[in-house]
Protein backbone atom coordinates (compact mmCIF):
# COMPACT_ATOMS: atom_id res chain seq x y z
CA UNK A 1 84.48 74.27 93.08
CA UNK A 2 81.12 74.13 94.87
CA UNK A 3 78.02 73.88 92.73
CA UNK A 4 75.14 75.04 94.91
CA UNK A 5 71.66 74.01 93.85
CA UNK A 6 68.38 74.90 95.52
CA UNK A 7 65.71 72.21 95.82
CA UNK A 8 62.07 73.08 96.49
CA UNK A 9 60.02 70.44 98.27
CA UNK A 10 56.47 69.89 99.52
CA UNK A 11 56.10 67.42 102.39
CA UNK A 12 52.72 66.18 103.64
CA UNK A 13 52.01 65.06 107.20
CA UNK A 14 49.60 62.20 107.83
CA UNK A 15 48.28 60.51 110.94
CA UNK A 16 49.52 56.97 111.54
CA UNK A 17 47.46 54.18 113.17
CA UNK A 18 48.33 55.52 116.64
CA UNK A 19 47.13 59.01 115.66
CA UNK A 20 50.61 60.56 115.57
CA UNK A 21 51.63 62.98 112.84
CA UNK A 22 54.30 61.51 110.58
CA UNK A 23 55.90 62.71 107.36
CA UNK A 24 54.46 61.38 104.14
CA UNK A 25 56.11 61.17 100.74
CA UNK A 26 57.91 64.37 99.70
CA UNK A 27 57.61 65.80 96.22
CA UNK A 28 60.23 67.98 94.48
CA UNK A 29 59.40 71.13 92.52
CA UNK A 30 61.39 73.47 90.30
CA UNK A 31 60.20 76.72 91.86
CA UNK A 32 59.25 77.98 95.31
CA UNK A 33 55.73 79.05 94.31
CA UNK A 34 54.89 75.63 92.87
CA UNK A 35 56.19 73.91 96.01
CA UNK A 36 53.92 76.16 98.09
CA UNK A 37 50.93 75.32 95.87
CA UNK A 38 51.83 71.63 96.11
CA UNK A 39 51.94 71.80 99.91
CA UNK A 40 48.58 73.59 100.01
CA UNK A 41 47.07 70.82 97.87
CA UNK A 42 48.65 68.11 100.03
CA UNK A 43 47.22 69.70 103.18
CA UNK A 44 43.73 69.58 101.66
CA UNK A 45 43.82 65.76 101.66
CA UNK A 46 46.22 65.10 104.58
CA UNK A 47 46.56 66.44 108.12
CA UNK A 48 48.94 69.17 106.94
CA UNK A 49 51.97 69.98 104.80
CA UNK A 50 54.98 72.23 104.52
CA UNK A 51 56.90 73.68 101.61
CA UNK A 52 60.62 74.19 102.10
CA UNK A 53 63.85 74.77 100.23
CA UNK A 54 67.35 73.40 100.69
CA UNK A 55 70.48 74.80 99.09
CA UNK A 56 73.75 72.97 98.80
CA UNK A 57 76.16 70.95 96.73
CA UNK A 58 74.72 67.52 95.91
CA UNK A 59 78.13 66.34 94.65
CA UNK A 60 79.55 66.42 98.16
CA UNK A 61 76.28 66.07 100.09
CA UNK A 62 76.57 69.33 102.01
CA UNK A 63 73.41 71.39 102.42
CA UNK A 64 72.43 74.46 104.38
CA UNK A 65 69.55 74.08 106.86
CA UNK A 66 66.12 73.88 105.24
CA UNK A 67 64.14 77.10 104.95
CA UNK A 68 60.40 76.75 105.57
CA UNK A 69 58.45 78.56 102.83
CA UNK A 70 54.88 77.81 104.00
CA UNK A 71 52.92 75.70 106.51
CA UNK A 72 49.38 74.41 106.10
CA UNK A 73 47.16 72.46 108.51
CA UNK A 74 48.62 70.32 111.27
CA UNK A 75 52.41 70.03 111.31
CA UNK A 76 54.61 67.76 113.41
CA UNK A 77 56.17 69.43 116.46
CA UNK A 78 59.57 68.27 115.18
CA UNK A 79 59.44 70.63 112.18
CA UNK A 80 61.55 73.72 112.76
């Protein structure tokens, strides 16, 4: 029986030495609104950040595509 769980994540984007936007260290949250606040805070000290959620069954490693909840600042072109 599938046990779907939703994870809420904030992910900052930073500029590397070449000036390219790269993902920083993600942080997990228990609720969507706190992930959004976390992303907003991350964007204040980094190039940008996103908040997103993923739902799936961690026991079998199957997840639905991530759903973007919010975007702040500069975001990598690869984020969709």
